[in-house]
PDB file of N, CA and C in Angstrom:
ATOM      1  N   MET A   1       1.303  -1.186  -0.064  1.00  0.00           N
ATOM      2  CA  MET A   1       0.195   0.228   0.011  1.00  0.00           C
ATOM      3  C   MET A   1       0.954   1.403   0.078  1.00  0.00           C
ATOM      4  N   LEU A   2       2.050   1.420   0.779  1.00  0.00           N
ATOM      5  CA  LEU A   2       2.810   2.250   0.845  1.00  0.00           C
ATOM      6  C   LEU A   2       3.544   2.507  -0.361  1.00  0.00           C
ATOM      7  N   ASP A   3       3.780   1.729  -1.654  1.00  0.00           N
ATOM      8  CA  ASP A   3       4.221   1.995  -2.549  1.00  0.00           C
ATOM      9  C   ASP A   3       3.563   2.505  -3.443  1.00  0.00           C
ATOM     10  N   LEU A   4       1.867   2.196  -3.613  1.00  0.00           N
ATOM     11  CA  LEU A   4       1.058   2.775  -4.347  1.00  0.00           C
ATOM     12  C   LEU A   4       1.112   4.359  -4.021  1.00  0.00           C
ATOM     13  N   ILE A   5       0.908   4.630  -2.479  1.00  0.00           N
ATOM     14  CA  ILE A   5       0.842   5.989  -2.057  1.00  0.00           C
ATOM     15  C   ILE A   5       1.789   6.670  -2.200  1.00  0.00           C
ATOM     16  N   LEU A   6       3.037   6.297  -2.398  1.00  0.00           N
ATOM     17  CA  LEU A   6       4.171   7.219  -2.748  1.00  0.00           C
ATOM     18  C   LEU A   6       4.093   7.353  -4.163  1.00  0.00           C
ATOM     19  N   GLY A   7       4.128   5.879  -4.960  1.00  0.00           N
ATOM     20  CA  GLY A   7       3.730   6.220  -6.537  1.00  0.00           C
ATOM     21  C   GLY A   7       2.814   7.384  -7.190  1.00  0.00           C
ATOM     22  N   MET A   8       1.704   7.598  -6.501  1.00  0.00           N
ATOM     23  CA  MET A   8       0.648   8.547  -6.953  1.00  0.00           C
ATOM     24  C   MET A   8       1.138   9.947  -5.981  1.00  0.00           C
ATOM     25  N   THR A   9       1.624   9.660  -5.018  1.00  0.00           N
ATOM     26  CA  THR A   9       2.040  11.117  -4.769  1.00  0.00           C
ATOM     27  C   THR A   9       2.991  11.741  -5.762  1.00  0.00           C
ATOM     28  N   ILE A  10       3.819  11.012  -6.199  1.00  0.00           N
ATOM     29  CA  ILE A  10       4.976  11.465  -7.046  1.00  0.00           C
ATOM     30  C   ILE A  10       4.286  11.722  -8.301  1.00  0.00           C
ATOM     31  N   ARG A  11       3.465  10.925  -9.116  1.00  0.00           N
ATOM     32  CA  ARG A  11       2.941  11.184 -10.228  1.00  0.00           C
ATOM     33  C   ARG A  11       1.693  12.371 -10.091  1.00  0.00           C
ATOM     34  N   SER A  12       1.062  12.846  -8.938  1.00  0.00           N
ATOM     35  CA  SER A  12      -0.038  13.836  -8.872  1.00  0.00           C
ATOM     36  C   SER A  12       1.150  15.092  -8.877  1.00  0.00           C
ATOM     37  N   THR A  13       2.562  14.983  -8.113  1.00  0.00           N
ATOM     38  CA  THR A  13       3.134  16.113  -8.258  1.00  0.00           C
ATOM     39  C   THR A  13       3.908  16.293  -9.646  1.00  0.00           C
ATOM     40  N   THR A  14       4.380  15.344 -10.000  1.00  0.00           N
ATOM     41  CA  THR A  14       5.495  15.608 -11.433  1.00  0.00           C
ATOM     42  C   THR A  14       4.641  15.444 -12.693  1.00  0.00           C
ATOM     43  N   LYS A  15       3.424  14.857 -12.724  1.00  0.00           N
ATOM     44  CA  LYS A  15       2.775  14.767 -13.858  1.00  0.00           C
ATOM     45  C   LYS A  15       3.318  13.797 -14.787  1.00  0.00           C
ATOM     46  N   THR A  16       4.483  12.909 -14.151  1.00  0.00           N
ATOM     47  CA  THR A  16       5.131  11.855 -14.823  1.00  0.00           C
ATOM     48  C   THR A  16       4.991  10.474 -13.990  1.00  0.00           C
ATOM     49  N   ARG A  17       5.182   9.431 -14.797  1.00  0.00           N
ATOM     50  CA  ARG A  17       5.022   8.073 -14.397  1.00  0.00           C
ATOM     51  C   ARG A  17       6.400   7.920 -13.897  1.00  0.00           C
ATOM     52  N   CYS A  18       6.007   6.796 -12.878  1.00  0.00           N
ATOM     53  CA  CYS A  18       7.234   6.507 -12.203  1.00  0.00           C
ATOM     54  C   CYS A  18       7.402   4.951 -11.771  1.00  0.00           C
ATOM     55  N   THR A  19       8.461   4.420 -11.598  1.00  0.00           N
ATOM     56  CA  THR A  19       8.719   3.021 -10.995  1.00  0.00           C
ATOM     57  C   THR A  19       9.391   3.066  -9.697  1.00  0.00           C
ATOM     58  N   THR A  20       9.479   1.957  -9.091  1.00  0.00           N
ATOM     59  CA  THR A  20       9.920   1.834  -8.034  1.00  0.00           C
ATOM     60  C   THR A  20      11.417   1.336  -8.013  1.00  0.00           C
ATOM     61  N   ILE A  21      12.285   1.801  -7.767  1.00  0.00           N
ATOM     62  CA  ILE A  21      13.601   1.407  -7.266  1.00  0.00           C
ATOM     63  C   ILE A  21      14.023   0.739  -6.107  1.00  0.00           C
ATOM     64  N   ASN A  22      13.478   1.477  -5.078  1.00  0.00           N
ATOM     65  CA  ASN A  22      14.010   0.990  -3.613  1.00  0.00           C
ATOM     66  C   ASN A  22      12.525   1.406  -2.914  1.00  0.00           C
ATOM     67  N   LEU A  23      12.079   0.347  -1.918  1.00  0.00           N
ATOM     68  CA  LEU A  23      11.116   0.855  -0.984  1.00  0.00           C
ATOM     69  C   LEU A  23      11.710  -0.216   0.361  1.00  0.00           C
ATOM     70  N   ASN A  24      11.558   0.816   1.399  1.00  0.00           N
ATOM     71  CA  ASN A  24      11.747   0.493   2.965  1.00  0.00           C
ATOM     72  C   ASN A  24      10.730   0.757   3.623  1.00  0.00           C
ATOM     73  N   VAL A  25       9.827  -0.532   4.286  1.00  0.00           N
ATOM     74  CA  VAL A  25       8.745  -0.540   5.252  1.00  0.00           C
ATOM     75  C   VAL A  25       9.303  -0.668   6.566  1.00  0.00           C
ATOM     76  N   ASN A  26       8.789   0.329   7.563  1.00  0.00           N
ATOM     77  CA  ASN A  26       8.836  -0.357   9.177  1.00  0.00           C
ATOM     78  C   ASN A  26       7.206  -0.381   9.513  1.00  0.00           C
ATOM     79  N   TYR A  27       6.906  -1.580   9.805  1.00  0.00           N
ATOM     80  CA  TYR A  27       5.719  -2.025  10.574  1.00  0.00           C
ATOM     81  C   TYR A  27       5.984  -1.654  11.911  1.00  0.00           C
ATOM     82  N   LEU A  28       5.035  -0.964  12.120  1.00  0.00           N
ATOM     83  CA  LEU A  28       4.922  -0.417  13.675  1.00  0.00           C
ATOM     84  C   LEU A  28       3.824  -0.860  14.384  1.00  0.00           C
ATOM     85  N   ASN A  29       2.649  -1.210  14.202  1.00  0.00           N
ATOM     86  CA  ASN A  29       1.387  -1.880  14.501  1.00  0.00           C
ATOM     87  C   ASN A  29       0.559  -2.761  13.823  1.00  0.00           C
ATOM     88  N   PRO A  30      -0.020  -3.554  14.373  1.00  0.00           N
ATOM     89  CA  PRO A  30      -0.918  -4.706  13.444  1.00  0.00           C
ATOM     90  C   PRO A  30      -1.857  -3.705  13.232  1.00  0.00           C
ATOM     91  N   VAL A  31      -2.477  -4.488  12.186  1.00  0.00           N
ATOM     92  CA  VAL A  31      -4.019  -4.356  11.516  1.00  0.00           C
ATOM     93  C   VAL A  31      -4.403  -5.483  11.163  1.00  0.00           C
ATOM     94  N   SER A  32      -5.898  -5.366  11.447  1.00  0.00           N
ATOM     95  CA  SER A  32      -6.481  -6.679  10.656  1.00  0.00           C
ATOM     96  C   SER A  32      -7.650  -6.572  10.335  1.00  0.00           C
ATOM     97  N   GLN A  33      -8.460  -5.334  10.874  1.00  0.00           N
ATOM     98  CA  GLN A  33      -9.438  -4.706  10.082  1.00  0.00           C
ATOM     99  C   GLN A  33      -9.836  -3.157   9.997  1.00  0.00           C
ATOM    100  N   GLY A  34     -10.856  -2.850   9.217  1.00  0.00           N
ATOM    101  CA  GLY A  34     -10.841  -1.396   9.423  1.00  0.00           C
ATOM    102  C   GLY A  34     -10.382  -0.353   8.162  1.00  0.00           C
ATOM    103  N   HIS A  35     -10.808   0.808   8.372  1.00  0.00           N
ATOM    104  CA  HIS A  35     -10.269   1.742   6.993  1.00  0.00           C
ATOM    105  C   HIS A  35      -8.858   1.968   7.560  1.00  0.00           C
ATOM    106  N   LEU A  36      -8.108   2.017   6.633  1.00  0.00           N
ATOM    107  CA  LEU A  36      -6.967   2.840   6.534  1.00  0.00           C
ATOM    108  C   LEU A  36      -6.732   4.152   5.762  1.00  0.00           C
ATOM    109  N   SER A  37      -5.670   5.180   6.537  1.00  0.00           N
ATOM    110  CA  SER A  37      -5.723   6.099   5.468  1.00  0.00           C
ATOM    111  C   SER A  37      -3.818   6.515   5.797  1.00  0.00           C
ATOM    112  N   ALA A  38      -3.461   7.130   4.692  1.00  0.00           N
ATOM    113  CA  ALA A  38      -2.175   7.366   4.363  1.00  0.00           C
ATOM    114  C   ALA A  38      -1.796   8.622   3.920  1.00  0.00           C
ATOM    115  N   LYS A  39      -0.880   9.200   4.083  1.00  0.00           N
ATOM    116  CA  LYS A  39      -0.116  10.610   3.350  1.00  0.00           C
ATOM    117  C   LYS A  39       1.399  10.083   2.914  1.00  0.00           C
ATOM    118  N   GLY A  40       1.530  10.871   1.958  1.00  0.00           N
ATOM    119  CA  GLY A  40       2.703  10.764   1.363  1.00  0.00           C
ATOM    120  C   GLY A  40       3.405  12.140   0.918  1.00  0.00           C
ATOM    121  N   LYS A  41       4.810  12.088   1.062  1.00  0.00           N
ATOM    122  CA  LYS A  41       5.591  13.375   0.632  1.00  0.00           C
ATOM    123  C   LYS A  41       6.934  13.214   0.234  1.00  0.00           C
ATOM    124  N   ILE A  42       6.887  14.133  -0.933  1.00  0.00           N
ATOM    125  CA  ILE A  42       8.315  14.070  -1.828  1.00  0.00           C
ATOM    126  C   ILE A  42       9.267  14.694  -0.623  1.00  0.00           C
ATOM    127  N   LEU A  43      10.491  14.155  -0.510  1.00  0.00           N
ATOM    128  CA  LEU A  43      11.958  14.540   0.172  1.00  0.00           C
ATOM    129  C   LEU A  43      12.795  15.061  -0.871  1.00  0.00           C
ATOM    130  N   GLN A  44      12.865  14.605  -1.868  1.00  0.00           N
ATOM    131  CA  GLN A  44      14.051  15.295  -2.921  1.00  0.00           C
ATOM    132  C   GLN A  44      13.519  14.817  -4.098  1.00  0.00           C
ATOM    133  N   LYS A  45      13.562  16.036  -5.246  1.00  0.00           N
ATOM    134  CA  LYS A  45      12.770  15.280  -6.277  1.00  0.00           C
ATOM    135  C   LYS A  45      13.956  15.884  -7.469  1.00  0.00           C
ATOM    136  N   GLY A  46      14.836  14.991  -8.074  1.00  0.00           N
ATOM    137  CA  GLY A  46      15.663  15.241  -9.310  1.00  0.00           C
ATOM    138  C   GLY A  46      15.137  15.112 -10.645  1.00  0.00           C
ATOM    139  N   TYR A  47      15.704  14.950 -11.632  1.00  0.00           N
ATOM    140  CA  TYR A  47      15.436  14.751 -12.823  1.00  0.00           C
ATOM    141  C   TYR A  47      14.876  13.392 -13.408  1.00  0.00           C
ATOM    142  N   ARG A  48      15.675  12.329 -12.856  1.00  0.00           N
ATOM    143  CA  ARG A  48      15.552  11.362 -13.004  1.00  0.00           C
ATOM    144  C   ARG A  48      14.987  10.586 -11.967  1.00  0.00           C
ATOM    145  N   THR A  49      15.046  11.046 -10.533  1.00  0.00           N
ATOM    146  CA  THR A  49      14.848  10.057  -9.308  1.00  0.00           C
ATOM    147  C   THR A  49      14.067  10.690  -8.516  1.00  0.00           C
ATOM    148  N   VAL A  50      13.232  10.315  -7.607  1.00  0.00           N
ATOM    149  CA  VAL A  50      12.499  11.258  -6.716  1.00  0.00           C
ATOM    150  C   VAL A  50      12.512  10.249  -5.475  1.00  0.00           C
ATOM    151  N   ALA A  51      13.096  10.868  -4.368  1.00  0.00           N
ATOM    152  CA  ALA A  51      12.866  10.139  -3.012  1.00  0.00           C
ATOM    153  C   ALA A  51      11.558  10.694  -2.064  1.00  0.00           C
ATOM    154  N   ALA A  52      10.845   9.756  -1.406  1.00  0.00           N
ATOM    155  CA  ALA A  52       9.455  10.238  -1.049  1.00  0.00           C
ATOM    156  C   ALA A  52       9.406   9.114   0.325  1.00  0.00           C
ATOM    157  N   GLU A  53       8.468   9.769   1.023  1.00  0.00           N
ATOM    158  CA  GLU A  53       8.122   9.035   2.351  1.00  0.00           C
ATOM    159  C   GLU A  53       6.943   8.995   2.534  1.00  0.00           C
ATOM    160  N   GLY A  54       6.321   8.025   3.230  1.00  0.00           N
ATOM    161  CA  GLY A  54       4.710   7.902   3.630  1.00  0.00           C
ATOM    162  C   GLY A  54       4.458   6.979   4.784  1.00  0.00           C
ATOM    163  N   GLU A  55       3.026   7.280   5.484  1.00  0.00           N
ATOM    164  CA  GLU A  55       2.931   6.718   6.927  1.00  0.00           C
ATOM    165  C   GLU A  55       1.521   6.211   6.213  1.00  0.00           C
ATOM    166  N   LEU A  56       1.190   5.030   7.182  1.00  0.00           N
ATOM    167  CA  LEU A  56      -0.201   4.422   7.053  1.00  0.00           C
ATOM    168  C   LEU A  56      -0.652   4.637   8.782  1.00  0.00           C
ATOM    169  N   PHE A  57      -2.199   4.963   8.575  1.00  0.00           N
ATOM    170  CA  PHE A  57      -2.454   5.127   9.809  1.00  0.00           C
ATOM    171  C   PHE A  57      -4.128   4.249  10.159  1.00  0.00           C
ATOM    172  N   ASN A  58      -4.552   3.293  11.130  1.00  0.00           N
ATOM    173  CA  ASN A  58      -5.576   2.900  11.049  1.00  0.00           C
ATOM    174  C   ASN A  58      -6.315   4.208  11.307  1.00  0.00           C
ATOM    175  N   GLU A  59      -7.915   3.438  11.884  1.00  0.00           N
ATOM    176  CA  GLU A  59      -9.037   4.274  12.166  1.00  0.00           C
ATOM    177  C   GLU A  59      -9.141   5.434  13.468  1.00  0.00           C
ATOM    178  N   GLU A  60      -8.321   4.863  13.901  1.00  0.00           N
ATOM    179  CA  GLU A  60      -8.138   5.368  15.611  1.00  0.00           C
ATOM    180  C   GLU A  60      -7.022   6.716  15.563  1.00  0.00           C
ATOM    181  N   GLY A  61      -6.275   7.089  14.007  1.00  0.00           N
ATOM    182  CA  GLY A  61      -5.334   7.671  14.045  1.00  0.00           C
ATOM    183  C   GLY A  61      -3.879   7.022  14.419  1.00  0.00           C
ATOM    184  N   LYS A  62      -3.623   6.014  14.805  1.00  0.00           N
ATOM    185  CA  LYS A  62      -2.482   5.575  14.935  1.00  0.00           C
ATOM    186  C   LYS A  62      -1.681   4.563  13.809  1.00  0.00           C
ATOM    187  N   MET A  63      -0.269   5.258  13.922  1.00  0.00           N
ATOM    188  CA  MET A  63       0.522   4.805  12.771  1.00  0.00           C
ATOM    189  C   MET A  63       0.638   3.418  12.594  1.00  0.00           C
ATOM    190  N   ILE A  64       0.628   2.704  12.056  1.00  0.00           N
ATOM    191  CA  ILE A  64       0.956   1.276  11.771  1.00  0.00           C
ATOM    192  C   ILE A  64       2.041   1.150  10.676  1.00  0.00           C
ATOM    193  N   ALA A  65       2.131   2.036   9.922  1.00  0.00           N
ATOM    194  CA  ALA A  65       3.812   1.703   9.031  1.00  0.00           C
ATOM    195  C   ALA A  65       4.054   2.975   8.537  1.00  0.00           C
ATOM    196  N   LYS A  66       5.634   2.925   8.508  1.00  0.00           N
ATOM    197  CA  LYS A  66       5.983   4.113   8.018  1.00  0.00           C
ATOM    198  C   LYS A  66       7.243   3.667   6.663  1.00  0.00           C
ATOM    199  N   GLY A  67       7.175   4.419   5.340  1.00  0.00           N
ATOM    200  CA  GLY A  67       7.968   3.719   4.684  1.00  0.00           C
ATOM    201  C   GLY A  67       9.037   4.719   3.921  1.00  0.00           C
ATOM    202  N   THR A  68      10.024   4.659   3.148  1.00  0.00           N
ATOM    203  CA  THR A  68      10.651   5.537   2.391  1.00  0.00           C
ATOM    204  C   THR A  68      10.965   4.945   1.223  1.00  0.00           C
ATOM    205  N   GLY A  69      11.154   5.821   0.024  1.00  0.00           N
ATOM    206  CA  GLY A  69      11.641   4.821  -0.836  1.00  0.00           C
ATOM    207  C   GLY A  69      12.073   5.817  -2.116  1.00  0.00           C
ATOM    208  N   THR A  70      12.668   5.219  -3.072  1.00  0.00           N
ATOM    209  CA  THR A  70      13.163   5.823  -4.206  1.00  0.00           C
ATOM    210  C   THR A  70      12.601   5.574  -5.892  1.00  0.00           C
ATOM    211  N   PHE A  71      12.339   6.479  -6.270  1.00  0.00           N
ATOM    212  CA  PHE A  71      11.688   6.163  -7.544  1.00  0.00           C
ATOM    213  C   PHE A  71      12.123   6.904  -8.879  1.00  0.00           C
ATOM    214  N   LYS A  72      12.147   6.093  -9.980  1.00  0.00           N
ATOM    215  CA  LYS A  72      12.644   6.528 -11.283  1.00  0.00           C
ATOM    216  C   LYS A  72      11.574   7.193 -11.963  1.00  0.00           C
ATOM    217  N   LEU A  73      11.827   8.310 -12.640  1.00  0.00           N
ATOM    218  CA  LEU A  73      10.756   8.798 -13.596  1.00  0.00           C
ATOM    219  C   LEU A  73      10.913   8.562 -14.816  1.00  0.00           C
ATOM    220  N   ILE A  74       9.823   8.309 -15.341  1.00  0.00           N
ATOM    221  CA  ILE A  74      10.140   7.308 -16.529  1.00  0.00           C
ATOM    222  C   ILE A  74       9.272   8.955 -17.590  1.00  0.00           C
ATOM    223  N   ARG A  75      10.373   9.349 -18.051  1.00  0.00           N
ATOM    224  CA  ARG A  75      10.232  10.591 -18.927  1.00  0.00           C
ATOM    225  C   ARG A  75      10.277   9.983 -20.474  1.00  0.00           C
ATOM    226  N   GLU A  76       9.656  10.530 -21.519  1.00  0.00           N
ATOM    227  CA  GLU A  76       9.242  10.486 -22.647  1.00  0.00           C
ATOM    228  C   GLU A  76      10.400  10.879 -23.824  1.00  0.00           C
ATOM    229  N   ASP A  77      11.410  11.372 -23.023  1.00  0.00           N
ATOM    230  CA  ASP A  77      12.217  12.151 -24.014  1.00  0.00           C
ATOM    231  C   ASP A  77      13.671  11.328 -23.621  1.00  0.00           C
TER     232      ASP A  77
END
């Protein structure tokens, strides 16, 4: 899920497709049911790569996972 959130954060900001190069996830708390919410942000953006981080929360707002990733921008030129 974090991979999707980070990829969509990058795509909505850069208007460019991307693919995951590396993704590190820290699982902090278990979750077995209910709704999840997430947020992502870009840490660094270059011409070819982007670094981003994201967090997942349960219904009570408790963080259940945090991740960072590096993504390659797929440019048409």
